[in-house]
All heavy atoms as atom14 arrays in JSON, in Angstrom:
{
  "sequence": "AAMALPGAAEAMAAQGFTHGVASGEPGANSILLWTRYAAPSDTR",
  "atom14_mask": [
    [1, 1, 1, 1, 1, 0, 0, 0, 0, 0, 0, 0, 0, 0],
    [1, 1, 1, 1, 1, 0, 0, 0, 0, 0, 0, 0, 0, 0],
    [1, 1, 1, 1, 1, 1, 1, 1, 0, 0, 0, 0, 0, 0],
    [1, 1, 1, 1, 1, 0, 0, 0, 0, 0, 0, 0, 0, 0],
    [1, 1, 1, 1, 1, 1, 1, 1, 0, 0, 0, 0, 0, 0],
    [1, 1, 1, 1, 1, 1, 1, 0, 0, 0, 0, 0, 0, 0],
    [1, 1, 1, 1, 0, 0, 0, 0, 0, 0, 0, 0, 0, 0],
    [1, 1, 1, 1, 1, 0, 0, 0, 0, 0, 0, 0, 0, 0],
    [1, 1, 1, 1, 1, 0, 0, 0, 0, 0, 0, 0, 0, 0],
    [1, 1, 1, 1, 1, 1, 1, 1, 1, 0, 0, 0, 0, 0],
    [1, 1, 1, 1, 1, 0, 0, 0, 0, 0, 0, 0, 0, 0],
    [1, 1, 1, 1, 1, 1, 1, 1, 0, 0, 0, 0, 0, 0],
    [1, 1, 1, 1, 1, 0, 0, 0, 0, 0, 0, 0, 0, 0],
    [1, 1, 1, 1, 1, 0, 0, 0, 0, 0, 0, 0, 0, 0],
    [1, 1, 1, 1, 1, 1, 1, 1, 1, 0, 0, 0, 0, 0],
    [1, 1, 1, 1, 0, 0, 0, 0, 0, 0, 0, 0, 0, 0],
    [1, 1, 1, 1, 1, 1, 1, 1, 1, 1, 1, 0, 0, 0],
    [1, 1, 1, 1, 1, 1, 1, 0, 0, 0, 0, 0, 0, 0],
    [1, 1, 1, 1, 1, 1, 1, 1, 1, 1, 0, 0, 0, 0],
    [1, 1, 1, 1, 0, 0, 0, 0, 0, 0, 0, 0, 0, 0],
    [1, 1, 1, 1, 1, 1, 1, 0, 0, 0, 0, 0, 0, 0],
    [1, 1, 1, 1, 1, 0, 0, 0, 0, 0, 0, 0, 0, 0],
    [1, 1, 1, 1, 1, 1, 0, 0, 0, 0, 0, 0, 0, 0],
    [1, 1, 1, 1, 0, 0, 0, 0, 0, 0, 0, 0, 0, 0],
    [1, 1, 1, 1, 1, 1, 1, 1, 1, 0, 0, 0, 0, 0],
    [1, 1, 1, 1, 1, 1, 1, 0, 0, 0, 0, 0, 0, 0],
    [1, 1, 1, 1, 0, 0, 0, 0, 0, 0, 0, 0, 0, 0],
    [1, 1, 1, 1, 1, 0, 0, 0, 0, 0, 0, 0, 0, 0],
    [1, 1, 1, 1, 1, 1, 1, 1, 0, 0, 0, 0, 0, 0],
    [1, 1, 1, 1, 1, 1, 0, 0, 0, 0, 0, 0, 0, 0],
    [1, 1, 1, 1, 1, 1, 1, 1, 0, 0, 0, 0, 0, 0],
    [1, 1, 1, 1, 1, 1, 1, 1, 0, 0, 0, 0, 0, 0],
    [1, 1, 1, 1, 1, 1, 1, 1, 0, 0, 0, 0, 0, 0],
    [1, 1, 1, 1, 1, 1, 1, 1, 1, 1, 1, 1, 1, 1],
    [1, 1, 1, 1, 1, 1, 1, 0, 0, 0, 0, 0, 0, 0],
    [1, 1, 1, 1, 1, 1, 1, 1, 1, 1, 1, 0, 0, 0],
    [1, 1, 1, 1, 1, 1, 1, 1, 1, 1, 1, 1, 0, 0],
    [1, 1, 1, 1, 1, 0, 0, 0, 0, 0, 0, 0, 0, 0],
    [1, 1, 1, 1, 1, 0, 0, 0, 0, 0, 0, 0, 0, 0],
    [1, 1, 1, 1, 1, 1, 1, 0, 0, 0, 0, 0, 0, 0],
    [1, 1, 1, 1, 1, 1, 0, 0, 0, 0, 0, 0, 0, 0],
    [1, 1, 1, 1, 1, 1, 1, 1, 0, 0, 0, 0, 0, 0],
    [1, 1, 1, 1, 1, 1, 1, 0, 0, 0, 0, 0, 0, 0],
    [1, 1, 1, 1, 1, 1, 1, 1, 1, 1, 1, 0, 0, 0]
  ],
  "atom14_positions": [
    [[14.97, 69.76, -42.56], [15.13, 69.93, -43.99], [16.05, 68.9, -44.65], [15.81, 68.38, -45.65], [15.7, 71.32, -44.32], [0.0, 0.0, 0.0], [0.0, 0.0, 0.0], [0.0, 0.0, 0.0], [0.0, 0.0, 0.0], [0.0, 0.0, 0.0], [0.0, 0.0, 0.0], [0.0, 0.0, 0.0], [0.0, 0.0, 0.0], [0.0, 0.0, 0.0]],
    [[17.04, 68.56, -43.86], [17.94, 67.47, -44.36], [17.35, 66.17, -44.43], [17.69, 65.4, -45.38], [19.24, 67.5, -43.56], [0.0, 0.0, 0.0], [0.0, 0.0, 0.0], [0.0, 0.0, 0.0], [0.0, 0.0, 0.0], [0.0, 0.0, 0.0], [0.0, 0.0, 0.0], [0.0, 0.0, 0.0], [0.0, 0.0, 0.0], [0.0, 0.0, 0.0]],
    [[16.49, 65.9, -43.47], [15.92, 64.56, -43.45], [14.64, 64.46, -44.29], [14.13, 63.42, -44.7], [15.44, 64.18, -42.0], [16.67, 63.74, -41.18], [17.39, 62.15, -41.69], [16.16, 60.98, -41.11], [0.0, 0.0, 0.0], [0.0, 0.0, 0.0], [0.0, 0.0, 0.0], [0.0, 0.0, 0.0], [0.0, 0.0, 0.0], [0.0, 0.0, 0.0]],
    [[14.08, 65.63, -44.73], [12.79, 65.69, -45.45], [13.06, 65.06, -46.86], [14.13, 65.09, -47.37], [12.25, 67.07, -45.52], [0.0, 0.0, 0.0], [0.0, 0.0, 0.0], [0.0, 0.0, 0.0], [0.0, 0.0, 0.0], [0.0, 0.0, 0.0], [0.0, 0.0, 0.0], [0.0, 0.0, 0.0], [0.0, 0.0, 0.0], [0.0, 0.0, 0.0]],
    [[11.99, 64.56, -47.48], [12.04, 64.15, -48.88], [12.33, 65.39, -49.74], [11.87, 66.43, -49.54], [10.72, 63.55, -49.26], [10.43, 62.09, -48.62], [9.02, 61.78, -48.83], [11.43, 61.12, -49.16], [0.0, 0.0, 0.0], [0.0, 0.0, 0.0], [0.0, 0.0, 0.0], [0.0, 0.0, 0.0], [0.0, 0.0, 0.0], [0.0, 0.0, 0.0]],
    [[13.12, 65.08, -50.8], [13.54, 66.24, -51.67], [12.34, 66.75, -52.46], [11.7, 66.03, -53.15], [14.61, 65.63, -52.56], [14.35, 64.17, -52.59], [13.78, 63.86, -51.26], [0.0, 0.0, 0.0], [0.0, 0.0, 0.0], [0.0, 0.0, 0.0], [0.0, 0.0, 0.0], [0.0, 0.0, 0.0], [0.0, 0.0, 0.0], [0.0, 0.0, 0.0]],
    [[12.13, 68.06, -52.35], [11.2, 68.75, -53.32], [11.95, 69.22, -54.53], [13.05, 68.73, -54.85], [0.0, 0.0, 0.0], [0.0, 0.0, 0.0], [0.0, 0.0, 0.0], [0.0, 0.0, 0.0], [0.0, 0.0, 0.0], [0.0, 0.0, 0.0], [0.0, 0.0, 0.0], [0.0, 0.0, 0.0], [0.0, 0.0, 0.0], [0.0, 0.0, 0.0]],
    [[11.37, 70.23, -55.18], [12.0, 70.71, -56.45], [13.41, 71.27, -56.21], [14.41, 70.94, -56.92], [11.14, 71.73, -57.1], [0.0, 0.0, 0.0], [0.0, 0.0, 0.0], [0.0, 0.0, 0.0], [0.0, 0.0, 0.0], [0.0, 0.0, 0.0], [0.0, 0.0, 0.0], [0.0, 0.0, 0.0], [0.0, 0.0, 0.0], [0.0, 0.0, 0.0]],
    [[13.52, 72.19, -55.17], [14.81, 72.74, -54.9], [15.78, 71.67, -54.45], [16.99, 71.69, -54.91], [14.65, 73.81, -53.76], [0.0, 0.0, 0.0], [0.0, 0.0, 0.0], [0.0, 0.0, 0.0], [0.0, 0.0, 0.0], [0.0, 0.0, 0.0], [0.0, 0.0, 0.0], [0.0, 0.0, 0.0], [0.0, 0.0, 0.0], [0.0, 0.0, 0.0]],
    [[15.44, 70.77, -53.59], [16.3, 69.76, -53.05], [16.74, 68.85, -54.18], [17.89, 68.41, -54.23], [15.67, 68.99, -51.89], [15.43, 69.86, -50.56], [14.13, 70.64, -50.65], [13.55, 70.66, -51.72], [13.75, 71.11, -49.61], [0.0, 0.0, 0.0], [0.0, 0.0, 0.0], [0.0, 0.0, 0.0], [0.0, 0.0, 0.0], [0.0, 0.0, 0.0]],
    [[15.83, 68.58, -55.07], [16.13, 67.67, -56.17], [17.23, 68.24, -57.07], [18.18, 67.54, -57.59], [14.9, 67.33, -57.02], [0.0, 0.0, 0.0], [0.0, 0.0, 0.0], [0.0, 0.0, 0.0], [0.0, 0.0, 0.0], [0.0, 0.0, 0.0], [0.0, 0.0, 0.0], [0.0, 0.0, 0.0], [0.0, 0.0, 0.0], [0.0, 0.0, 0.0]],
    [[17.19, 69.6, -57.29], [18.25, 70.25, -58.08], [19.55, 70.18, -57.36], [20.61, 69.96, -57.94], [17.79, 71.75, -58.3], [16.61, 71.9, -59.25], [16.2, 73.61, -59.47], [17.67, 74.27, -60.22], [0.0, 0.0, 0.0], [0.0, 0.0, 0.0], [0.0, 0.0, 0.0], [0.0, 0.0, 0.0], [0.0, 0.0, 0.0], [0.0, 0.0, 0.0]],
    [[19.51, 70.39, -56.0], [20.78, 70.32, -55.23], [21.31, 68.84, -55.28], [22.47, 68.76, -55.29], [20.49, 70.78, -53.81], [0.0, 0.0, 0.0], [0.0, 0.0, 0.0], [0.0, 0.0, 0.0], [0.0, 0.0, 0.0], [0.0, 0.0, 0.0], [0.0, 0.0, 0.0], [0.0, 0.0, 0.0], [0.0, 0.0, 0.0], [0.0, 0.0, 0.0]],
    [[20.42, 67.91, -55.14], [20.88, 66.5, -55.13], [21.32, 66.02, -56.49], [21.85, 64.96, -56.64], [19.78, 65.68, -54.65], [0.0, 0.0, 0.0], [0.0, 0.0, 0.0], [0.0, 0.0, 0.0], [0.0, 0.0, 0.0], [0.0, 0.0, 0.0], [0.0, 0.0, 0.0], [0.0, 0.0, 0.0], [0.0, 0.0, 0.0], [0.0, 0.0, 0.0]],
    [[20.97, 66.77, -57.55], [21.37, 66.47, -58.94], [20.89, 65.03, -59.35], [19.67, 64.82, -59.44], [22.9, 66.57, -59.17], [23.37, 68.0, -59.02], [24.84, 68.22, -59.32], [25.45, 67.39, -60.05], [25.45, 69.29, -58.81], [0.0, 0.0, 0.0], [0.0, 0.0, 0.0], [0.0, 0.0, 0.0], [0.0, 0.0, 0.0], [0.0, 0.0, 0.0]],
    [[21.83, 64.03, -59.42], [21.42, 62.77, -59.96], [20.75, 61.79, -59.03], [20.47, 60.65, -59.46], [0.0, 0.0, 0.0], [0.0, 0.0, 0.0], [0.0, 0.0, 0.0], [0.0, 0.0, 0.0], [0.0, 0.0, 0.0], [0.0, 0.0, 0.0], [0.0, 0.0, 0.0], [0.0, 0.0, 0.0], [0.0, 0.0, 0.0], [0.0, 0.0, 0.0]],
    [[20.56, 62.13, -57.82], [19.85, 61.21, -56.84], [18.37, 61.36, -57.0], [17.75, 62.21, -56.52], [20.34, 61.59, -55.39], [21.74, 61.39, -55.12], [22.7, 62.35, -54.94], [22.25, 60.01, -54.9], [24.01, 62.1, -54.63], [23.55, 59.73, -54.6], [24.39, 60.84, -54.52], [0.0, 0.0, 0.0], [0.0, 0.0, 0.0], [0.0, 0.0, 0.0]],
    [[17.8, 60.39, -57.77], [16.46, 60.47, -58.32], [15.42, 59.88, -57.32], [14.22, 60.19, -57.42], [16.35, 59.94, -59.62], [16.62, 58.39, -59.52], [17.28, 60.52, -60.62], [0.0, 0.0, 0.0], [0.0, 0.0, 0.0], [0.0, 0.0, 0.0], [0.0, 0.0, 0.0], [0.0, 0.0, 0.0], [0.0, 0.0, 0.0], [0.0, 0.0, 0.0]],
    [[15.78, 58.9, -56.53], [14.82, 58.11, -55.74], [15.1, 57.99, -54.26], [14.73, 56.96, -53.67], [14.48, 56.81, -56.45], [13.71, 56.88, -57.68], [14.35, 57.26, -58.9], [12.45, 56.74, -58.01], [13.39, 57.22, -59.85], [12.27, 56.88, -59.38], [0.0, 0.0, 0.0], [0.0, 0.0, 0.0], [0.0, 0.0, 0.0], [0.0, 0.0, 0.0]],
    [[15.81, 58.9, -53.73], [16.09, 58.76, -52.26], [17.05, 57.71, -51.95], [17.96, 57.37, -52.81], [0.0, 0.0, 0.0], [0.0, 0.0, 0.0], [0.0, 0.0, 0.0], [0.0, 0.0, 0.0], [0.0, 0.0, 0.0], [0.0, 0.0, 0.0], [0.0, 0.0, 0.0], [0.0, 0.0, 0.0], [0.0, 0.0, 0.0], [0.0, 0.0, 0.0]],
    [[16.92, 57.16, -50.8], [17.85, 56.1, -50.29], [17.01, 55.02, -49.57], [15.89, 55.18, -49.3], [18.84, 56.71, -49.25], [19.79, 57.65, -49.9], [18.18, 57.35, -48.05], [0.0, 0.0, 0.0], [0.0, 0.0, 0.0], [0.0, 0.0, 0.0], [0.0, 0.0, 0.0], [0.0, 0.0, 0.0], [0.0, 0.0, 0.0], [0.0, 0.0, 0.0]],
    [[17.65, 53.91, -49.39], [17.04, 52.76, -48.79], [18.1, 51.89, -48.16], [19.22, 51.92, -48.52], [16.15, 51.99, -49.74], [0.0, 0.0, 0.0], [0.0, 0.0, 0.0], [0.0, 0.0, 0.0], [0.0, 0.0, 0.0], [0.0, 0.0, 0.0], [0.0, 0.0, 0.0], [0.0, 0.0, 0.0], [0.0, 0.0, 0.0], [0.0, 0.0, 0.0]],
    [[17.66, 51.08, -47.19], [18.64, 50.1, -46.55], [17.9, 48.82, -46.32], [16.65, 48.72, -46.24], [19.14, 50.68, -45.23], [18.15, 50.75, -44.27], [0.0, 0.0, 0.0], [0.0, 0.0, 0.0], [0.0, 0.0, 0.0], [0.0, 0.0, 0.0], [0.0, 0.0, 0.0], [0.0, 0.0, 0.0], [0.0, 0.0, 0.0], [0.0, 0.0, 0.0]],
    [[18.7, 47.76, -46.23], [18.12, 46.45, -45.97], [19.2, 45.37, -45.62], [20.29, 45.73, -45.34], [0.0, 0.0, 0.0], [0.0, 0.0, 0.0], [0.0, 0.0, 0.0], [0.0, 0.0, 0.0], [0.0, 0.0, 0.0], [0.0, 0.0, 0.0], [0.0, 0.0, 0.0], [0.0, 0.0, 0.0], [0.0, 0.0, 0.0], [0.0, 0.0, 0.0]],
    [[18.75, 44.13, -45.62], [19.62, 42.98, -45.26], [20.45, 43.29, -44.01], [21.65, 43.1, -43.95], [20.57, 42.73, -46.42], [19.97, 42.31, -47.7], [19.07, 41.14, -47.59], [19.22, 40.33, -46.71], [18.16, 41.0, -48.41], [0.0, 0.0, 0.0], [0.0, 0.0, 0.0], [0.0, 0.0, 0.0], [0.0, 0.0, 0.0], [0.0, 0.0, 0.0]],
    [[19.83, 43.65, -42.86], [20.53, 43.99, -41.67], [21.1, 42.74, -41.01], [20.48, 41.66, -41.05], [19.47, 44.59, -40.79], [18.22, 43.92, -41.17], [18.3, 43.88, -42.69], [0.0, 0.0, 0.0], [0.0, 0.0, 0.0], [0.0, 0.0, 0.0], [0.0, 0.0, 0.0], [0.0, 0.0, 0.0], [0.0, 0.0, 0.0], [0.0, 0.0, 0.0]],
    [[22.3, 42.92, -40.47], [22.89, 41.88, -39.6], [23.39, 42.62, -38.34], [23.11, 43.73, -38.12], [0.0, 0.0, 0.0], [0.0, 0.0, 0.0], [0.0, 0.0, 0.0], [0.0, 0.0, 0.0], [0.0, 0.0, 0.0], [0.0, 0.0, 0.0], [0.0, 0.0, 0.0], [0.0, 0.0, 0.0], [0.0, 0.0, 0.0], [0.0, 0.0, 0.0]],
    [[23.94, 41.82, -37.42], [24.4, 42.46, -36.19], [25.52, 43.46, -36.42], [25.7, 44.38, -35.69], [24.85, 41.39, -35.2], [0.0, 0.0, 0.0], [0.0, 0.0, 0.0], [0.0, 0.0, 0.0], [0.0, 0.0, 0.0], [0.0, 0.0, 0.0], [0.0, 0.0, 0.0], [0.0, 0.0, 0.0], [0.0, 0.0, 0.0], [0.0, 0.0, 0.0]],
    [[26.3, 43.26, -37.45], [27.51, 44.05, -37.73], [27.53, 44.7, -39.14], [28.56, 45.21, -39.55], [28.74, 43.3, -37.44], [28.77, 42.58, -36.15], [28.71, 41.38, -36.06], [28.86, 43.42, -35.08], [0.0, 0.0, 0.0], [0.0, 0.0, 0.0], [0.0, 0.0, 0.0], [0.0, 0.0, 0.0], [0.0, 0.0, 0.0], [0.0, 0.0, 0.0]],
    [[26.42, 44.6, -39.83], [26.42, 45.07, -41.28], [25.06, 45.49, -41.69], [24.04, 45.08, -41.13], [26.96, 43.96, -42.17], [26.12, 42.83, -42.2], [0.0, 0.0, 0.0], [0.0, 0.0, 0.0], [0.0, 0.0, 0.0], [0.0, 0.0, 0.0], [0.0, 0.0, 0.0], [0.0, 0.0, 0.0], [0.0, 0.0, 0.0], [0.0, 0.0, 0.0]],
    [[25.02, 46.26, -42.74], [23.78, 46.75, -43.48], [23.98, 47.0, -44.85], [25.14, 47.37, -45.27], [23.24, 48.0, -42.66], [21.84, 48.33, -43.06], [24.13, 49.2, -42.97], [20.8, 47.4, -42.37], [0.0, 0.0, 0.0], [0.0, 0.0, 0.0], [0.0, 0.0, 0.0], [0.0, 0.0, 0.0], [0.0, 0.0, 0.0], [0.0, 0.0, 0.0]],
    [[23.03, 46.8, -45.72], [23.11, 47.1, -47.14], [22.48, 48.46, -47.4], [21.36, 48.73, -46.95], [22.41, 46.03, -47.98], [22.38, 46.1, -49.5], [22.32, 44.77, -50.09], [21.26, 47.0, -50.01], [0.0, 0.0, 0.0], [0.0, 0.0, 0.0], [0.0, 0.0, 0.0], [0.0, 0.0, 0.0], [0.0, 0.0, 0.0], [0.0, 0.0, 0.0]],
    [[23.17, 49.3, -48.13], [22.62, 50.65, -48.4], [22.39, 50.75, -49.98], [23.06, 50.14, -50.72], [23.69, 51.68, -48.1], [24.13, 51.7, -46.63], [25.17, 52.86, -46.36], [22.97, 51.83, -45.6], [0.0, 0.0, 0.0], [0.0, 0.0, 0.0], [0.0, 0.0, 0.0], [0.0, 0.0, 0.0], [0.0, 0.0, 0.0], [0.0, 0.0, 0.0]],
    [[21.35, 51.48, -50.33], [20.85, 51.62, -51.63], [20.65, 53.06, -52.09], [20.08, 53.87, -51.27], [19.58, 50.8, -51.9], [18.92, 50.77, -53.17], [18.95, 49.8, -54.1], [18.08, 51.83, -53.71], [18.21, 50.13, -55.24], [17.68, 51.35, -55.04], [17.67, 53.14, -53.32], [16.94, 52.15, -55.9], [16.87, 53.89, -54.17], [16.51, 53.36, -55.44]],
    [[20.97, 53.41, -53.35], [20.51, 54.61, -53.85], [20.5, 54.49, -55.39], [20.99, 53.48, -56.02], [21.37, 55.9, -53.42], [20.65, 57.02, -53.76], [22.72, 55.85, -54.19], [0.0, 0.0, 0.0], [0.0, 0.0, 0.0], [0.0, 0.0, 0.0], [0.0, 0.0, 0.0], [0.0, 0.0, 0.0], [0.0, 0.0, 0.0], [0.0, 0.0, 0.0]],
    [[19.95, 55.55, -56.09], [20.06, 55.63, -57.54], [20.55, 56.93, -57.88], [20.1, 57.95, -57.38], [18.66, 55.41, -58.12], [18.7, 55.34, -59.68], [17.28, 55.04, -60.22], [17.33, 54.71, -61.67], [17.01, 55.68, -62.55], [16.66, 56.9, -62.21], [17.13, 55.47, -63.81], [0.0, 0.0, 0.0], [0.0, 0.0, 0.0], [0.0, 0.0, 0.0]],
    [[21.54, 56.92, -58.75], [22.21, 58.18, -59.31], [22.21, 58.1, -60.76], [22.93, 57.4, -61.41], [23.59, 58.29, -58.71], [24.28, 59.66, -58.98], [24.04, 60.76, -58.14], [25.06, 59.83, -60.17], [24.61, 62.01, -58.42], [25.58, 61.11, -60.38], [25.42, 62.17, -59.59], [26.01, 63.4, -59.85], [0.0, 0.0, 0.0], [0.0, 0.0, 0.0]],
    [[21.3, 58.88, -61.4], [21.22, 58.9, -62.85], [22.21, 59.99, -63.49], [22.17, 61.07, -63.05], [19.79, 59.28, -63.3], [0.0, 0.0, 0.0], [0.0, 0.0, 0.0], [0.0, 0.0, 0.0], [0.0, 0.0, 0.0], [0.0, 0.0, 0.0], [0.0, 0.0, 0.0], [0.0, 0.0, 0.0], [0.0, 0.0, 0.0], [0.0, 0.0, 0.0]],
    [[22.99, 59.48, -64.35], [24.04, 60.25, -65.02], [24.39, 59.68, -66.43], [23.98, 58.55, -66.68], [25.34, 60.35, -64.16], [0.0, 0.0, 0.0], [0.0, 0.0, 0.0], [0.0, 0.0, 0.0], [0.0, 0.0, 0.0], [0.0, 0.0, 0.0], [0.0, 0.0, 0.0], [0.0, 0.0, 0.0], [0.0, 0.0, 0.0], [0.0, 0.0, 0.0]],
    [[24.89, 60.45, -67.24], [25.25, 59.9, -68.59], [26.21, 58.73, -68.64], [26.17, 57.97, -69.65], [25.9, 61.18, -69.29], [25.4, 62.35, -68.61], [25.35, 61.96, -67.18], [0.0, 0.0, 0.0], [0.0, 0.0, 0.0], [0.0, 0.0, 0.0], [0.0, 0.0, 0.0], [0.0, 0.0, 0.0], [0.0, 0.0, 0.0], [0.0, 0.0, 0.0]],
    [[26.92, 58.6, -67.59], [27.9, 57.49, -67.5], [27.91, 56.9, -66.08], [27.39, 57.4, -65.24], [29.38, 57.93, -67.93], [29.78, 58.95, -67.04], [0.0, 0.0, 0.0], [0.0, 0.0, 0.0], [0.0, 0.0, 0.0], [0.0, 0.0, 0.0], [0.0, 0.0, 0.0], [0.0, 0.0, 0.0], [0.0, 0.0, 0.0], [0.0, 0.0, 0.0]],
    [[28.66, 55.79, -65.99], [28.77, 55.16, -64.65], [29.43, 56.23, -63.73], [30.27, 57.01, -64.1], [29.71, 54.0, -64.69], [29.09, 52.8, -65.52], [27.87, 53.01, -65.93], [29.77, 51.82, -65.67], [0.0, 0.0, 0.0], [0.0, 0.0, 0.0], [0.0, 0.0, 0.0], [0.0, 0.0, 0.0], [0.0, 0.0, 0.0], [0.0, 0.0, 0.0]],
    [[28.99, 56.25, -62.47], [29.4, 57.22, -61.5], [29.81, 56.55, -60.22], [29.09, 55.77, -59.6], [28.22, 58.29, -61.19], [27.8, 58.83, -62.42], [28.76, 59.34, -60.31], [0.0, 0.0, 0.0], [0.0, 0.0, 0.0], [0.0, 0.0, 0.0], [0.0, 0.0, 0.0], [0.0, 0.0, 0.0], [0.0, 0.0, 0.0], [0.0, 0.0, 0.0]],
    [[30.98, 56.88, -59.8], [31.52, 56.41, -58.5], [31.02, 57.17, -57.36], [31.25, 58.4, -57.33], [33.1, 56.38, -58.51], [33.67, 55.47, -57.47], [33.43, 54.01, -57.75], [34.2, 53.11, -56.73], [33.94, 51.85, -56.68], [32.98, 51.31, -57.53], [34.59, 51.1, -55.8], [0.0, 0.0, 0.0], [0.0, 0.0, 0.0], [0.0, 0.0, 0.0]]
  ]
}
């Protein structure tokens, strides 16, 4: 359930995470992580 894509209930629990997660630019010791968090203001 935790790894599955969010359905309606999971989307409510995840609140502002609208488009899942992604990663890229791999190196031997590093990776770039991506997400989208929609909110009325900038969110840390």
